[in-house]
Amino acid sequence: SMLDERNMNSVVDSFLLGSDVVWNYEICGQDAGHFFFLDYVDGNKKKIAFASSLGSGLDDAPDEYKRIAAAFLRDFDYLSVREKSALDALQDRFHVSTDHVLDPVLLVPIDVFDQIAVKGERNTDIPYFMSYVLGPNENKKAVQDYLEVALCLSPVTYKNPNDDMGIYRKVGYNVAQDVDIEDWVRCIRDCSFFLGDSFH
């Protein structure tokens, strides 16, 4: 049978927390509590955070949530973050030492991405530029429109998979829909120019 996270303590010696905005209260904490602070891990187990991120931070979190989060952070055996701002915030606000490391997506050899891209079915024979937009707004759309003219290339725009199409349509984006990860990686690999507001 499947083990829930608390029962994992009976079969796992070390727990590794990955990257992304796992310590952002609005994105993860409101719904997941202190799960991403490894609140379910027994004290005798090794707890490691690699390239974890506060994103925009814990500023909007209730004081009690921050107090508990700080205690869990001090219980980690090793902490590393992907942004300098997180390094400073964890030191200044929570008095924990961290290392500043590269996000693991940037540590992967290029051939790994090529193996993913080759499975993509998107036809990339016609030159284009790729636009990957997590936070659509009129200024970003104006940059894309300028590049379309300046580069003489049509954009292929991918959106944040967590956002609905409404905000993109409102700003005027023509967004590719139902994109597989293989097509997304292939489109990045084969584009003539890449415009993005996020590195992952």
Protein backbone atom coordinates (compact mmCIF):
# COMPACT_ATOMS: atom_id res chain seq x y z
CA SER A 1 0.00 0.00 0.00
CA MET A 2 1.03 3.62 -0.47
CA LEU A 3 2.74 5.32 2.46
CA ASP A 4 1.62 8.78 3.50
CA GLU A 5 4.35 11.30 4.22
CA ARG A 6 4.47 10.69 7.98
CA ASN A 7 4.86 6.96 7.49
CA MET A 8 7.82 7.63 5.18
CA ASN A 9 9.90 8.01 8.35
CA SER A 10 9.85 4.24 8.75
CA VAL A 11 11.61 3.67 5.41
CA VAL A 12 13.54 6.88 4.64
CA ASP A 13 16.67 8.16 6.38
CA SER A 14 17.11 11.47 4.53
CA PHE A 15 14.54 13.91 3.15
CA LEU A 16 15.43 16.34 0.37
CA LEU A 17 13.32 19.41 -0.29
CA GLY A 18 13.62 20.67 -3.85
CA SER A 19 13.71 24.07 -5.47
CA ASP A 20 11.00 26.53 -6.50
CA VAL A 21 8.90 28.75 -4.24
CA VAL A 22 8.26 26.08 -1.63
CA TRP A 23 8.53 28.59 1.24
CA ASN A 24 6.22 31.20 -0.25
CA TYR A 25 3.20 31.50 2.04
CA GLU A 26 0.70 32.62 -0.58
CA ILE A 27 1.62 29.88 -3.07
CA CYS A 28 2.34 26.93 -0.77
CA GLY A 29 1.88 27.76 2.90
CA GLN A 30 -1.79 28.76 2.89
CA ASP A 31 -2.85 25.39 1.55
CA ALA A 32 -0.06 23.08 2.67
CA GLY A 33 0.69 24.44 6.13
CA HIS A 34 4.28 23.63 7.06
CA PHE A 35 4.55 20.61 4.75
CA PHE A 36 7.37 22.25 2.76
CA PHE A 37 9.25 22.90 5.99
CA LEU A 38 9.20 19.09 6.35
CA ASP A 39 6.98 19.23 9.43
CA TYR A 40 6.25 15.50 9.10
CA VAL A 41 9.89 14.39 9.31
CA ASP A 42 11.10 12.87 12.57
CA GLY A 43 13.88 14.69 14.43
CA ASN A 44 16.41 11.89 13.96
CA LYS A 45 16.16 12.03 10.15
CA LYS A 46 18.37 14.12 7.90
CA LYS A 47 16.60 17.15 6.37
CA ILE A 48 18.13 18.96 3.40
CA ALA A 49 16.82 21.87 1.32
CA PHE A 50 18.41 22.37 -2.09
CA ALA A 51 17.85 25.63 -3.99
CA SER A 52 14.59 26.25 -2.16
CA SER A 53 12.97 29.64 -2.47
CA LEU A 54 10.87 32.13 -0.54
CA GLY A 55 9.68 33.72 -3.79
CA SER A 56 8.01 36.96 -2.71
CA GLY A 57 8.42 35.79 0.85
CA LEU A 58 6.62 35.03 4.07
CA ASP A 59 5.70 38.65 4.72
CA ASP A 60 1.98 38.02 4.34
CA ALA A 61 2.04 34.96 6.60
CA PRO A 62 0.52 35.14 10.10
CA ASP A 63 3.08 35.66 12.88
CA GLU A 64 2.39 32.23 14.37
CA TYR A 65 3.00 30.57 10.99
CA LYS A 66 6.36 32.39 10.68
CA ARG A 67 7.35 31.43 14.23
CA ILE A 68 6.70 27.74 13.53
CA ALA A 69 8.41 27.96 10.12
CA ALA A 70 11.52 29.42 11.77
CA ALA A 71 11.67 26.49 14.20
CA PHE A 72 11.43 23.99 11.35
CA LEU A 73 14.12 25.84 9.36
CA ARG A 74 16.52 25.65 12.30
CA ASP A 75 15.91 21.89 12.38
CA PHE A 76 17.33 21.35 8.85
CA ASP A 77 20.75 19.71 8.58
CA TYR A 78 21.55 21.73 5.46
CA LEU A 79 19.85 24.70 3.80
CA SER A 80 20.53 26.20 0.40
CA VAL A 81 18.55 28.76 -1.57
CA ARG A 82 18.55 29.89 -5.18
CA GLU A 83 18.24 33.67 -4.63
CA LYS A 84 20.56 36.02 -2.80
CA SER A 85 17.49 37.76 -1.37
CA ALA A 86 16.41 34.48 0.27
CA LEU A 87 19.89 33.97 1.69
CA ASP A 88 19.71 37.39 3.35
CA ALA A 89 16.09 37.00 4.47
CA LEU A 90 16.66 33.65 6.15
CA GLN A 91 19.73 34.99 7.93
CA ASP A 92 18.16 38.30 9.00
CA ARG A 93 14.65 37.14 9.90
CA PHE A 94 15.11 33.54 10.97
CA HIS A 95 18.80 33.49 11.99
CA VAL A 96 19.65 30.42 9.94
CA SER A 97 22.69 29.97 7.75
CA THR A 98 22.23 29.01 4.12
CA ASP A 99 24.27 28.54 0.98
CA HIS A 100 23.46 30.28 -2.30
CA VAL A 101 23.31 27.68 -5.11
CA LEU A 102 22.25 27.41 -8.72
CA ASP A 103 18.75 26.11 -9.41
CA PRO A 104 19.02 22.42 -10.37
CA VAL A 105 17.26 22.98 -13.70
CA LEU A 106 20.41 24.87 -14.72
CA LEU A 107 22.70 22.04 -13.58
CA VAL A 108 21.30 19.47 -16.00
CA PRO A 109 23.49 18.65 -19.03
CA ILE A 110 22.07 19.87 -22.35
CA ASP A 111 21.75 16.34 -23.72
CA VAL A 112 19.04 15.63 -21.12
CA PHE A 113 16.96 18.44 -22.60
CA ASP A 114 17.72 17.22 -26.13
CA GLN A 115 16.38 13.78 -25.18
CA ILE A 116 13.14 15.44 -24.05
CA ALA A 117 12.91 17.80 -27.05
CA VAL A 118 13.33 15.04 -29.63
CA LYS A 119 10.03 13.55 -28.40
CA GLY A 120 8.20 16.81 -29.10
CA GLU A 121 5.79 16.81 -32.01
CA ARG A 122 5.68 20.56 -32.64
CA ASN A 123 6.80 21.50 -36.16
CA THR A 124 9.67 23.92 -35.66
CA ASP A 125 10.83 24.16 -39.29
CA ILE A 126 9.52 27.72 -39.79
CA PRO A 127 11.65 30.30 -37.91
CA TYR A 128 9.91 31.86 -34.89
CA PHE A 129 10.67 33.35 -31.53
CA MET A 130 9.36 31.88 -28.32
CA SER A 131 7.66 33.95 -25.68
CA TYR A 132 7.14 32.40 -22.25
CA VAL A 133 5.04 34.64 -20.03
CA LEU A 134 4.20 33.91 -16.39
CA GLY A 135 2.84 37.35 -15.58
CA PRO A 136 1.05 38.78 -18.62
CA ASN A 137 0.57 42.53 -18.86
CA GLU A 138 0.40 45.23 -21.51
CA ASN A 139 4.08 46.21 -21.18
CA LYS A 140 5.27 42.65 -21.80
CA LYS A 141 2.88 42.34 -24.73
CA ALA A 142 4.31 45.58 -26.18
CA VAL A 143 7.83 44.11 -25.98
CA GLN A 144 6.64 40.98 -27.78
CA ASP A 145 4.93 43.09 -30.47
CA TYR A 146 8.11 45.14 -30.94
CA LEU A 147 10.24 42.00 -31.29
CA GLU A 148 7.84 40.51 -33.81
CA VAL A 149 8.47 43.49 -36.09
CA ALA A 150 12.17 43.95 -35.29
CA LEU A 151 13.04 40.27 -35.75
CA CYS A 152 10.61 39.62 -38.61
CA LEU A 153 9.55 36.50 -36.74
CA SER A 154 6.19 35.33 -35.49
CA PRO A 155 5.95 34.59 -31.76
CA VAL A 156 4.94 31.28 -30.28
CA THR A 157 3.64 32.14 -26.82
CA TYR A 158 3.35 29.74 -23.91
CA LYS A 159 1.61 30.70 -20.68
CA ASN A 160 1.87 29.85 -17.05
CA PRO A 161 0.14 26.45 -16.82
CA ASN A 162 -1.51 27.55 -13.56
CA ASP A 163 -3.27 30.57 -15.11
CA ASP A 164 -6.46 30.50 -17.12
CA MET A 165 -6.57 31.92 -20.64
CA GLY A 166 -8.70 34.92 -19.67
CA ILE A 167 -5.91 37.24 -18.54
CA TYR A 168 -3.81 36.38 -21.60
CA ARG A 169 -6.71 37.06 -23.96
CA LYS A 170 -7.45 40.34 -22.17
CA VAL A 171 -3.90 41.55 -22.81
CA GLY A 172 -4.02 40.29 -26.41
CA TYR A 173 -1.80 37.22 -26.38
CA ASN A 174 -2.39 34.35 -28.79
CA VAL A 175 -1.30 31.50 -26.55
CA ALA A 176 -0.46 27.92 -27.51
CA GLN A 177 -2.78 25.53 -25.69
CA ASP A 178 -2.48 21.96 -24.43
CA VAL A 179 1.31 21.95 -24.63
CA ASP A 180 3.23 18.84 -23.60
CA ILE A 181 6.53 19.26 -21.78
CA GLU A 182 8.31 17.68 -24.76
CA ASP A 183 6.86 20.31 -27.14
CA TRP A 184 7.68 23.12 -24.69
CA VAL A 185 11.34 22.04 -24.44
CA ARG A 186 11.58 21.53 -28.20
CA CYS A 187 10.18 24.99 -28.82
CA ILE A 188 12.83 26.51 -26.53
CA ARG A 189 15.60 24.52 -28.19
CA ASP A 190 14.61 25.36 -31.75
CA CYS A 191 13.53 29.00 -31.47
CA SER A 192 15.53 31.79 -33.11
CA PHE A 193 15.03 34.07 -30.11
CA PHE A 194 13.63 33.54 -26.61
CA LEU A 195 11.67 36.10 -24.59
CA GLY A 196 10.72 35.14 -21.05
CA ASP A 197 9.87 36.57 -17.66
CA SER A 198 10.97 33.47 -15.74
CA PHE A 199 13.90 31.09 -15.96
CA HIS A 200 11.78 27.99 -15.38
